[in-house]
Amino acid sequence: MIKIYGMRSCPDCAFMEAQVKGDDRYEVIDIGGHIRHLKEFLRLRDNHPVFSEVRQMGYAGIPCFVLEDGTITLNPEEAGLKGRDSEGASCRLDGTGC
């Protein structure tokens, strides 16, 4: 099962969640829904090299995908999903992304 860490208030995450609704190959984990989920995500974000650039740029690093083999990626295509067009709402303060 592929885990997707995100928040319902994030437009990129909502786009991913809509794609996997009803698909039991994916588990959507809302990091804003419970402190346990936030801590789980922060452990990944604070310690995994895939987030190095994300942290430097001030992004949250969501949506984040943990593939079945344990690979962590920020690329939806690697999780078998379509990426969202970069235009529109964004959850970064400067409007450039999550």
PDB file of N, CA and C in Angstrom:
ATOM      1  N   MET A   1       0.834  -1.172   0.000  1.00  0.00           N
ATOM      2  CA  MET A   1       0.000   0.000   0.000  1.00  0.00           C
ATOM      3  C   MET A   1       0.888   1.248   0.000  1.00  0.00           C
ATOM      4  N   ILE A   2       0.536   2.223  -0.804  1.00  0.00           N
ATOM      5  CA  ILE A   2       1.272   3.481  -0.872  1.00  0.00           C
ATOM      6  C   ILE A   2       0.633   4.467   0.091  1.00  0.00           C
ATOM      7  N   LYS A   3       1.462   5.052   0.963  1.00  0.00           N
ATOM      8  CA  LYS A   3       0.977   6.060   1.906  1.00  0.00           C
ATOM      9  C   LYS A   3       1.168   7.446   1.292  1.00  0.00           C
ATOM     10  N   ILE A   4       0.156   8.282   1.468  1.00  0.00           N
ATOM     11  CA  ILE A   4       0.241   9.664   1.020  1.00  0.00           C
ATOM     12  C   ILE A   4       0.041  10.548   2.238  1.00  0.00           C
ATOM     13  N   TYR A   5       1.102  11.271   2.625  1.00  0.00           N
ATOM     14  CA  TYR A   5       1.009  12.224   3.736  1.00  0.00           C
ATOM     15  C   TYR A   5       0.632  13.581   3.158  1.00  0.00           C
ATOM     16  N   GLY A   6      -0.367  14.200   3.752  1.00  0.00           N
ATOM     17  CA  GLY A   6      -0.801  15.510   3.295  1.00  0.00           C
ATOM     18  C   GLY A   6      -1.754  16.141   4.282  1.00  0.00           C
ATOM     19  N   MET A   7      -2.362  17.234   3.843  1.00  0.00           N
ATOM     20  CA  MET A   7      -3.382  17.930   4.648  1.00  0.00           C
ATOM     21  C   MET A   7      -4.541  18.274   3.733  1.00  0.00           C
ATOM     22  N   ARG A   8      -5.724  18.181   4.255  1.00  0.00           N
ATOM     23  CA  ARG A   8      -6.905  18.480   3.446  1.00  0.00           C
ATOM     24  C   ARG A   8      -6.933  19.927   2.959  1.00  0.00           C
ATOM     25  N   SER A   9      -6.312  20.836   3.700  1.00  0.00           N
ATOM     26  CA  SER A   9      -6.312  22.244   3.311  1.00  0.00           C
ATOM     27  C   SER A   9      -5.275  22.568   2.231  1.00  0.00           C
ATOM     28  N   CYS A  10      -4.443  21.626   1.865  1.00  0.00           N
ATOM     29  CA  CYS A  10      -3.419  21.815   0.833  1.00  0.00           C
ATOM     30  C   CYS A  10      -4.018  21.444  -0.526  1.00  0.00           C
ATOM     31  N   PRO A  11      -4.025  22.370  -1.483  1.00  0.00           N
ATOM     32  CA  PRO A  11      -4.620  22.072  -2.787  1.00  0.00           C
ATOM     33  C   PRO A  11      -3.935  20.924  -3.524  1.00  0.00           C
ATOM     34  N   ASP A  12      -2.617  20.807  -3.404  1.00  0.00           N
ATOM     35  CA  ASP A  12      -1.914  19.696  -4.044  1.00  0.00           C
ATOM     36  C   ASP A  12      -2.333  18.362  -3.426  1.00  0.00           C
ATOM     37  N   CYS A  13      -2.479  18.350  -2.113  1.00  0.00           N
ATOM     38  CA  CYS A  13      -2.883  17.132  -1.401  1.00  0.00           C
ATOM     39  C   CYS A  13      -4.320  16.752  -1.741  1.00  0.00           C
ATOM     40  N   ALA A  14      -5.199  17.737  -1.794  1.00  0.00           N
ATOM     41  CA  ALA A  14      -6.598  17.480  -2.145  1.00  0.00           C
ATOM     42  C   ALA A  14      -6.690  16.888  -3.549  1.00  0.00           C
ATOM     43  N   PHE A  15      -5.858  17.361  -4.457  1.00  0.00           N
ATOM     44  CA  PHE A  15      -5.824  16.834  -5.820  1.00  0.00           C
ATOM     45  C   PHE A  15      -5.419  15.364  -5.816  1.00  0.00           C
ATOM     46  N   MET A  16      -4.425  15.007  -4.992  1.00  0.00           N
ATOM     47  CA  MET A  16      -3.982  13.613  -4.888  1.00  0.00           C
ATOM     48  C   MET A  16      -5.075  12.748  -4.259  1.00  0.00           C
ATOM     49  N   GLU A  17      -5.679  13.267  -3.190  1.00  0.00           N
ATOM     50  CA  GLU A  17      -6.717  12.501  -2.500  1.00  0.00           C
ATOM     51  C   GLU A  17      -7.890  12.196  -3.430  1.00  0.00           C
ATOM     52  N   ALA A  18      -8.263  13.145  -4.273  1.00  0.00           N
ATOM     53  CA  ALA A  18      -9.361  12.921  -5.212  1.00  0.00           C
ATOM     54  C   ALA A  18      -9.023  11.805  -6.198  1.00  0.00           C
ATOM     55  N   GLN A  19      -7.760  11.693  -6.578  1.00  0.00           N
ATOM     56  CA  GLN A  19      -7.349  10.648  -7.524  1.00  0.00           C
ATOM     57  C   GLN A  19      -7.419   9.248  -6.929  1.00  0.00           C
ATOM     58  N   VAL A  20      -7.199   9.130  -5.627  1.00  0.00           N
ATOM     59  CA  VAL A  20      -7.109   7.797  -5.012  1.00  0.00           C
ATOM     60  C   VAL A  20      -8.367   7.395  -4.249  1.00  0.00           C
ATOM     61  N   LYS A  21      -9.355   8.261  -4.242  1.00  0.00           N
ATOM     62  CA  LYS A  21     -10.579   7.954  -3.497  1.00  0.00           C
ATOM     63  C   LYS A  21     -11.155   6.607  -3.959  1.00  0.00           C
ATOM     64  N   GLY A  22     -11.358   5.722  -3.003  1.00  0.00           N
ATOM     65  CA  GLY A  22     -11.909   4.405  -3.284  1.00  0.00           C
ATOM     66  C   GLY A  22     -10.890   3.389  -3.799  1.00  0.00           C
ATOM     67  N   ASP A  23      -9.633   3.777  -3.906  1.00  0.00           N
ATOM     68  CA  ASP A  23      -8.587   2.884  -4.398  1.00  0.00           C
ATOM     69  C   ASP A  23      -7.798   2.362  -3.195  1.00  0.00           C
ATOM     70  N   ASP A  24      -7.976   1.080  -2.884  1.00  0.00           N
ATOM     71  CA  ASP A  24      -7.356   0.521  -1.675  1.00  0.00           C
ATOM     72  C   ASP A  24      -5.847   0.286  -1.806  1.00  0.00           C
ATOM     73  N   ARG A  25      -5.249   0.691  -2.925  1.00  0.00           N
ATOM     74  CA  ARG A  25      -3.790   0.622  -3.055  1.00  0.00           C
ATOM     75  C   ARG A  25      -3.105   1.797  -2.353  1.00  0.00           C
ATOM     76  N   TYR A  26      -3.927   2.789  -1.940  1.00  0.00           N
ATOM     77  CA  TYR A  26      -3.402   4.009  -1.331  1.00  0.00           C
ATOM     78  C   TYR A  26      -4.018   4.229   0.044  1.00  0.00           C
ATOM     79  N   GLU A  27      -3.208   4.778   0.949  1.00  0.00           N
ATOM     80  CA  GLU A  27      -3.686   5.211   2.259  1.00  0.00           C
ATOM     81  C   GLU A  27      -3.352   6.692   2.392  1.00  0.00           C
ATOM     82  N   VAL A  28      -4.385   7.526   2.529  1.00  0.00           N
ATOM     83  CA  VAL A  28      -4.183   8.957   2.697  1.00  0.00           C
ATOM     84  C   VAL A  28      -4.101   9.249   4.191  1.00  0.00           C
ATOM     85  N   ILE A  29      -3.022   9.912   4.603  1.00  0.00           N
ATOM     86  CA  ILE A  29      -2.807  10.237   6.008  1.00  0.00           C
ATOM     87  C   ILE A  29      -2.821  11.748   6.146  1.00  0.00           C
ATOM     88  N   ASP A  30      -3.857  12.257   6.791  1.00  0.00           N
ATOM     89  CA  ASP A  30      -4.015  13.698   7.006  1.00  0.00           C
ATOM     90  C   ASP A  30      -3.189  14.092   8.229  1.00  0.00           C
ATOM     91  N   ILE A  31      -2.058  14.766   7.983  1.00  0.00           N
ATOM     92  CA  ILE A  31      -1.160  15.115   9.091  1.00  0.00           C
ATOM     93  C   ILE A  31      -1.760  16.185   9.995  1.00  0.00           C
ATOM     94  N   GLY A  32      -2.813  16.832   9.542  1.00  0.00           N
ATOM     95  CA  GLY A  32      -3.495  17.818  10.372  1.00  0.00           C
ATOM     96  C   GLY A  32      -4.623  17.219  11.186  1.00  0.00           C
ATOM     97  N   GLY A  33      -4.923  15.952  10.951  1.00  0.00           N
ATOM     98  CA  GLY A  33      -6.042  15.301  11.615  1.00  0.00           C
ATOM     99  C   GLY A  33      -5.735  14.777  13.008  1.00  0.00           C
ATOM    100  N   HIS A  34      -4.469  14.496  13.268  1.00  0.00           N
ATOM    101  CA  HIS A  34      -4.072  13.967  14.576  1.00  0.00           C
ATOM    102  C   HIS A  34      -2.584  14.220  14.777  1.00  0.00           C
ATOM    103  N   ILE A  35      -2.208  14.578  15.959  1.00  0.00           N
ATOM    104  CA  ILE A  35      -0.806  14.880  16.272  1.00  0.00           C
ATOM    105  C   ILE A  35       0.095  13.675  15.989  1.00  0.00           C
ATOM    106  N   ARG A  36      -0.416  12.470  16.162  1.00  0.00           N
ATOM    107  CA  ARG A  36       0.359  11.253  15.878  1.00  0.00           C
ATOM    108  C   ARG A  36       0.801  11.238  14.412  1.00  0.00           C
ATOM    109  N   HIS A  37      -0.110  11.620  13.504  1.00  0.00           N
ATOM    110  CA  HIS A  37       0.223  11.641  12.076  1.00  0.00           C
ATOM    111  C   HIS A  37       1.224  12.753  11.754  1.00  0.00           C
ATOM    112  N   LEU A  38       1.070  13.897  12.391  1.00  0.00           N
ATOM    113  CA  LEU A  38       2.008  15.000  12.187  1.00  0.00           C
ATOM    114  C   LEU A  38       3.414  14.598  12.640  1.00  0.00           C
ATOM    115  N   LYS A  39       3.524  13.979  13.803  1.00  0.00           N
ATOM    116  CA  LYS A  39       4.826  13.538  14.314  1.00  0.00           C
ATOM    117  C   LYS A  39       5.462  12.499  13.395  1.00  0.00           C
ATOM    118  N   GLU A  40       4.655  11.579  12.890  1.00  0.00           N
ATOM    119  CA  GLU A  40       5.136  10.553  11.971  1.00  0.00           C
ATOM    120  C   GLU A  40       5.722  11.208  10.712  1.00  0.00           C
ATOM    121  N   PHE A  41       4.990  12.183  10.167  1.00  0.00           N
ATOM    122  CA  PHE A  41       5.467  12.891   8.979  1.00  0.00           C
ATOM    123  C   PHE A  41       6.730  13.701   9.286  1.00  0.00           C
ATOM    124  N   LEU A  42       6.744  14.405  10.410  1.00  0.00           N
ATOM    125  CA  LEU A  42       7.907  15.231  10.753  1.00  0.00           C
ATOM    126  C   LEU A  42       9.166  14.393  10.937  1.00  0.00           C
ATOM    127  N   ARG A  43       9.021  13.173  11.449  1.00  0.00           N
ATOM    128  CA  ARG A  43      10.186  12.279  11.553  1.00  0.00           C
ATOM    129  C   ARG A  43      10.760  11.998  10.163  1.00  0.00           C
ATOM    130  N   LEU A  44       9.878  11.781   9.197  1.00  0.00           N
ATOM    131  CA  LEU A  44      10.340  11.570   7.825  1.00  0.00           C
ATOM    132  C   LEU A  44      10.993  12.839   7.287  1.00  0.00           C
ATOM    133  N   ARG A  45      10.297  13.943   7.401  1.00  0.00           N
ATOM    134  CA  ARG A  45      10.733  15.218   6.831  1.00  0.00           C
ATOM    135  C   ARG A  45      12.051  15.700   7.435  1.00  0.00           C
ATOM    136  N   ASP A  46      12.216  15.517   8.712  1.00  0.00           N
ATOM    137  CA  ASP A  46      13.416  16.011   9.383  1.00  0.00           C
ATOM    138  C   ASP A  46      14.641  15.137   9.165  1.00  0.00           C
ATOM    139  N   ASN A  47      14.445  13.895   8.733  1.00  0.00           N
ATOM    140  CA  ASN A  47      15.558  12.958   8.675  1.00  0.00           C
ATOM    141  C   ASN A  47      15.873  12.364   7.304  1.00  0.00           C
ATOM    142  N   HIS A  48      14.980  12.485   6.357  1.00  0.00           N
ATOM    143  CA  HIS A  48      15.207  11.844   5.062  1.00  0.00           C
ATOM    144  C   HIS A  48      15.772  12.840   4.056  1.00  0.00           C
ATOM    145  N   PRO A  49      16.808  12.431   3.303  1.00  0.00           N
ATOM    146  CA  PRO A  49      17.458  13.348   2.372  1.00  0.00           C
ATOM    147  C   PRO A  49      16.551  13.874   1.248  1.00  0.00           C
ATOM    148  N   VAL A  50      15.483  13.174   0.913  1.00  0.00           N
ATOM    149  CA  VAL A  50      14.595  13.656  -0.153  1.00  0.00           C
ATOM    150  C   VAL A  50      14.000  15.031   0.189  1.00  0.00           C
ATOM    151  N   PHE A  51      13.987  15.372   1.484  1.00  0.00           N
ATOM    152  CA  PHE A  51      13.407  16.641   1.929  1.00  0.00           C
ATOM    153  C   PHE A  51      14.437  17.765   2.072  1.00  0.00           C
ATOM    154  N   SER A  52      15.696  17.516   1.761  1.00  0.00           N
ATOM    155  CA  SER A  52      16.735  18.531   1.962  1.00  0.00           C
ATOM    156  C   SER A  52      16.404  19.835   1.251  1.00  0.00           C
ATOM    157  N   GLU A  53      16.125  19.774  -0.021  1.00  0.00           N
ATOM    158  CA  GLU A  53      15.813  20.977  -0.794  1.00  0.00           C
ATOM    159  C   GLU A  53      14.490  21.591  -0.335  1.00  0.00           C
ATOM    160  N   VAL A  54      13.536  20.747  -0.013  1.00  0.00           N
ATOM    161  CA  VAL A  54      12.219  21.207   0.462  1.00  0.00           C
ATOM    162  C   VAL A  54      12.375  22.076   1.702  1.00  0.00           C
ATOM    163  N   ARG A  55      13.175  21.606   2.648  1.00  0.00           N
ATOM    164  CA  ARG A  55      13.392  22.367   3.884  1.00  0.00           C
ATOM    165  C   ARG A  55      14.082  23.693   3.584  1.00  0.00           C
ATOM    166  N   GLN A  56      15.087  23.673   2.723  1.00  0.00           N
ATOM    167  CA  GLN A  56      15.823  24.895   2.386  1.00  0.00           C
ATOM    168  C   GLN A  56      14.920  25.937   1.730  1.00  0.00           C
ATOM    169  N   MET A  57      13.956  25.497   0.940  1.00  0.00           N
ATOM    170  CA  MET A  57      13.088  26.419   0.206  1.00  0.00           C
ATOM    171  C   MET A  57      11.879  26.875   1.018  1.00  0.00           C
ATOM    172  N   GLY A  58      11.698  26.295   2.207  1.00  0.00           N
ATOM    173  CA  GLY A  58      10.584  26.683   3.048  1.00  0.00           C
ATOM    174  C   GLY A  58       9.275  25.984   2.733  1.00  0.00           C
ATOM    175  N   TYR A  59       9.347  24.904   1.968  1.00  0.00           N
ATOM    176  CA  TYR A  59       8.147  24.128   1.660  1.00  0.00           C
ATOM    177  C   TYR A  59       7.803  23.203   2.832  1.00  0.00           C
ATOM    178  N   ALA A  60       6.552  22.790   2.893  1.00  0.00           N
ATOM    179  CA  ALA A  60       6.137  21.819   3.904  1.00  0.00           C
ATOM    180  C   ALA A  60       6.580  20.409   3.523  1.00  0.00           C
ATOM    181  N   GLY A  61       6.607  20.115   2.230  1.00  0.00           N
ATOM    182  CA  GLY A  61       7.001  18.778   1.781  1.00  0.00           C
ATOM    183  C   GLY A  61       5.827  17.839   1.618  1.00  0.00           C
ATOM    184  N   ILE A  62       4.650  18.408   1.379  1.00  0.00           N
ATOM    185  CA  ILE A  62       3.462  17.595   1.143  1.00  0.00           C
ATOM    186  C   ILE A  62       2.868  17.966  -0.212  1.00  0.00           C
ATOM    187  N   PRO A  63       2.252  17.027  -0.874  1.00  0.00           N
ATOM    188  CA  PRO A  63       2.095  15.635  -0.473  1.00  0.00           C
ATOM    189  C   PRO A  63       3.413  14.861  -0.577  1.00  0.00           C
ATOM    190  N   CYS A  64       3.526  13.909   0.290  1.00  0.00           N
ATOM    191  CA  CYS A  64       4.689  13.030   0.352  1.00  0.00           C
ATOM    192  C   CYS A  64       4.179  11.606   0.173  1.00  0.00           C
ATOM    193  N   PHE A  65       4.908  10.819  -0.585  1.00  0.00           N
ATOM    194  CA  PHE A  65       4.494   9.456  -0.901  1.00  0.00           C
ATOM    195  C   PHE A  65       5.515   8.463  -0.363  1.00  0.00           C
ATOM    196  N   VAL A  66       5.041   7.466   0.365  1.00  0.00           N
ATOM    197  CA  VAL A  66       5.899   6.364   0.814  1.00  0.00           C
ATOM    198  C   VAL A  66       5.432   5.135   0.046  1.00  0.00           C
ATOM    199  N   LEU A  67       6.284   4.694  -0.870  1.00  0.00           N
ATOM    200  CA  LEU A  67       5.934   3.576  -1.734  1.00  0.00           C
ATOM    201  C   LEU A  67       6.015   2.259  -0.979  1.00  0.00           C
ATOM    202  N   GLU A  68       5.499   1.224  -1.594  1.00  0.00           N
ATOM    203  CA  GLU A  68       5.432  -0.086  -0.931  1.00  0.00           C
ATOM    204  C   GLU A  68       6.798  -0.633  -0.545  1.00  0.00           C
ATOM    205  N   ASP A  69       7.825  -0.263  -1.294  1.00  0.00           N
ATOM    206  CA  ASP A  69       9.169  -0.748  -0.969  1.00  0.00           C
ATOM    207  C   ASP A  69       9.885   0.147   0.044  1.00  0.00           C
ATOM    208  N   GLY A  70       9.184   1.160   0.572  1.00  0.00           N
ATOM    209  CA  GLY A  70       9.763   2.061   1.560  1.00  0.00           C
ATOM    210  C   GLY A  70      10.378   3.323   0.975  1.00  0.00           C
ATOM    211  N   THR A  71      10.446   3.405  -0.345  1.00  0.00           N
ATOM    212  CA  THR A  71      10.979   4.595  -1.001  1.00  0.00           C
ATOM    213  C   THR A  71      10.104   5.800  -0.665  1.00  0.00           C
ATOM    214  N   ILE A  72      10.747   6.922  -0.343  1.00  0.00           N
ATOM    215  CA  ILE A  72      10.031   8.161  -0.054  1.00  0.00           C
ATOM    216  C   ILE A  72      10.255   9.103  -1.219  1.00  0.00           C
ATOM    217  N   THR A  73       9.169   9.661  -1.744  1.00  0.00           N
ATOM    218  CA  THR A  73       9.263  10.557  -2.881  1.00  0.00           C
ATOM    219  C   THR A  73       8.258  11.691  -2.757  1.00  0.00           C
ATOM    220  N   LEU A  74       8.553  12.772  -3.417  1.00  0.00           N
ATOM    221  CA  LEU A  74       7.628  13.902  -3.502  1.00  0.00           C
ATOM    222  C   LEU A  74       7.038  13.990  -4.905  1.00  0.00           C
ATOM    223  N   ASN A  75       7.332  13.024  -5.730  1.00  0.00           N
ATOM    224  CA  ASN A  75       6.897  12.986  -7.114  1.00  0.00           C
ATOM    225  C   ASN A  75       5.660  12.096  -7.251  1.00  0.00           C
ATOM    226  N   PRO A  76       4.484  12.677  -7.541  1.00  0.00           N
ATOM    227  CA  PRO A  76       3.269  11.867  -7.637  1.00  0.00           C
ATOM    228  C   PRO A  76       3.332  10.807  -8.731  1.00  0.00           C
ATOM    229  N   GLU A  77       4.057  11.083  -9.817  1.00  0.00           N
ATOM    230  CA  GLU A  77       4.162  10.115 -10.902  1.00  0.00           C
ATOM    231  C   GLU A  77       4.824   8.819 -10.429  1.00  0.00           C
ATOM    232  N   GLU A  78       5.761   8.927  -9.498  1.00  0.00           N
ATOM    233  CA  GLU A  78       6.421   7.734  -8.963  1.00  0.00           C
ATOM    234  C   GLU A  78       5.465   6.893  -8.125  1.00  0.00           C
ATOM    235  N   ALA A  79       4.367   7.497  -7.690  1.00  0.00           N
ATOM    236  CA  ALA A  79       3.344   6.778  -6.929  1.00  0.00           C
ATOM    237  C   ALA A  79       2.175   6.385  -7.829  1.00  0.00           C
ATOM    238  N   GLY A  80       2.340   6.577  -9.139  1.00  0.00           N
ATOM    239  CA  GLY A  80       1.291   6.197 -10.084  1.00  0.00           C
ATOM    240  C   GLY A  80       0.169   7.209 -10.204  1.00  0.00           C
ATOM    241  N   LEU A  81       0.448   8.466  -9.846  1.00  0.00           N
ATOM    242  CA  LEU A  81      -0.577   9.510  -9.871  1.00  0.00           C
ATOM    243  C   LEU A  81      -0.174  10.642 -10.803  1.00  0.00           C
ATOM    244  N   LYS A  82      -1.156  11.465 -11.125  1.00  0.00           N
ATOM    245  CA  LYS A  82      -0.924  12.620 -11.976  1.00  0.00           C
ATOM    246  C   LYS A  82      -0.621  13.830 -11.101  1.00  0.00           C
ATOM    247  N   GLY A  83       0.392  14.603 -11.463  1.00  0.00           N
ATOM    248  CA  GLY A  83       0.707  15.829 -10.743  1.00  0.00           C
ATOM    249  C   GLY A  83      -0.285  16.926 -11.083  1.00  0.00           C
ATOM    250  N   ARG A  84      -0.445  17.858 -10.166  1.00  0.00           N
ATOM    251  CA  ARG A  84      -1.367  18.978 -10.362  1.00  0.00           C
ATOM    252  C   ARG A  84      -0.674  20.066 -11.175  1.00  0.00           C
ATOM    253  N   ASP A  85      -1.427  20.712 -12.041  1.00  0.00           N
ATOM    254  CA  ASP A  85      -0.914  21.860 -12.782  1.00  0.00           C
ATOM    255  C   ASP A  85      -0.459  22.898 -11.775  1.00  0.00           C
ATOM    256  N   SER A  86       0.645  23.558 -12.024  1.00  0.00           N
ATOM    257  CA  SER A  86       1.196  24.500 -11.052  1.00  0.00           C
ATOM    258  C   SER A  86       0.372  25.772 -10.888  1.00  0.00           C
ATOM    259  N   GLU A  87      -0.577  26.032 -11.766  1.00  0.00           N
ATOM    260  CA  GLU A  87      -1.393  27.236 -11.624  1.00  0.00           C
ATOM    261  C   GLU A  87      -2.509  27.010 -10.618  1.00  0.00           C
ATOM    262  N   GLY A  88      -2.957  28.074 -10.005  1.00  0.00           N
ATOM    263  CA  GLY A  88      -4.062  27.983  -9.057  1.00  0.00           C
ATOM    264  C   GLY A  88      -3.600  28.176  -7.634  1.00  0.00           C
ATOM    265  N   ALA A  89      -4.437  27.754  -6.713  1.00  0.00           N
ATOM    266  CA  ALA A  89      -4.156  27.942  -5.285  1.00  0.00           C
ATOM    267  C   ALA A  89      -2.897  27.198  -4.869  1.00  0.00           C
ATOM    268  N   SER A  90      -2.236  27.736  -3.886  1.00  0.00           N
ATOM    269  CA  SER A  90      -1.021  27.132  -3.362  1.00  0.00           C
ATOM    270  C   SER A  90      -0.965  27.346  -1.864  1.00  0.00           C
ATOM    271  N   CYS A  91      -0.302  26.418  -1.159  1.00  0.00           N
ATOM    272  CA  CYS A  91      -0.247  26.544   0.298  1.00  0.00           C
ATOM    273  C   CYS A  91       1.068  27.138   0.800  1.00  0.00           C
ATOM    274  N   ARG A  92       1.950  27.593  -0.071  1.00  0.00           N
ATOM    275  CA  ARG A  92       3.148  28.288   0.353  1.00  0.00           C
ATOM    276  C   ARG A  92       2.836  29.784   0.444  1.00  0.00           C
ATOM    277  N   LEU A  93       3.379  30.439   1.402  1.00  0.00           N
ATOM    278  CA  LEU A  93       3.064  31.838   1.633  1.00  0.00           C
ATOM    279  C   LEU A  93       3.310  32.720   0.416  1.00  0.00           C
ATOM    280  N   ASP A  94       4.349  32.417  -0.354  1.00  0.00           N
ATOM    281  CA  ASP A  94       4.613  33.234  -1.539  1.00  0.00           C
ATOM    282  C   ASP A  94       3.854  32.765  -2.771  1.00  0.00           C
ATOM    283  N   GLY A  95       2.990  31.743  -2.602  1.00  0.00           N
ATOM    284  CA  GLY A  95       2.148  31.271  -3.698  1.00  0.00           C
ATOM    285  C   GLY A  95       2.810  30.324  -4.663  1.00  0.00           C
ATOM    286  N   THR A  96       3.994  29.783  -4.342  1.00  0.00           N
ATOM    287  CA  THR A  96       4.713  28.942  -5.289  1.00  0.00           C
ATOM    288  C   THR A  96       4.607  27.446  -5.021  1.00  0.00           C
ATOM    289  N   GLY A  97       3.969  27.000  -4.005  1.00  0.00           N
ATOM    290  CA  GLY A  97       3.848  25.559  -3.763  1.00  0.00           C
ATOM    291  C   GLY A  97       3.748  25.217  -2.306  1.00  0.00           C
ATOM    292  N   CYS A  98       3.616  23.940  -2.030  1.00  0.00           N
ATOM    293  CA  CYS A  98       3.456  23.491  -0.645  1.00  0.00           C
ATOM    294  C   CYS A  98       4.797  23.236  -0.002  1.00  0.00           C
TER     295      CYS A  98
END
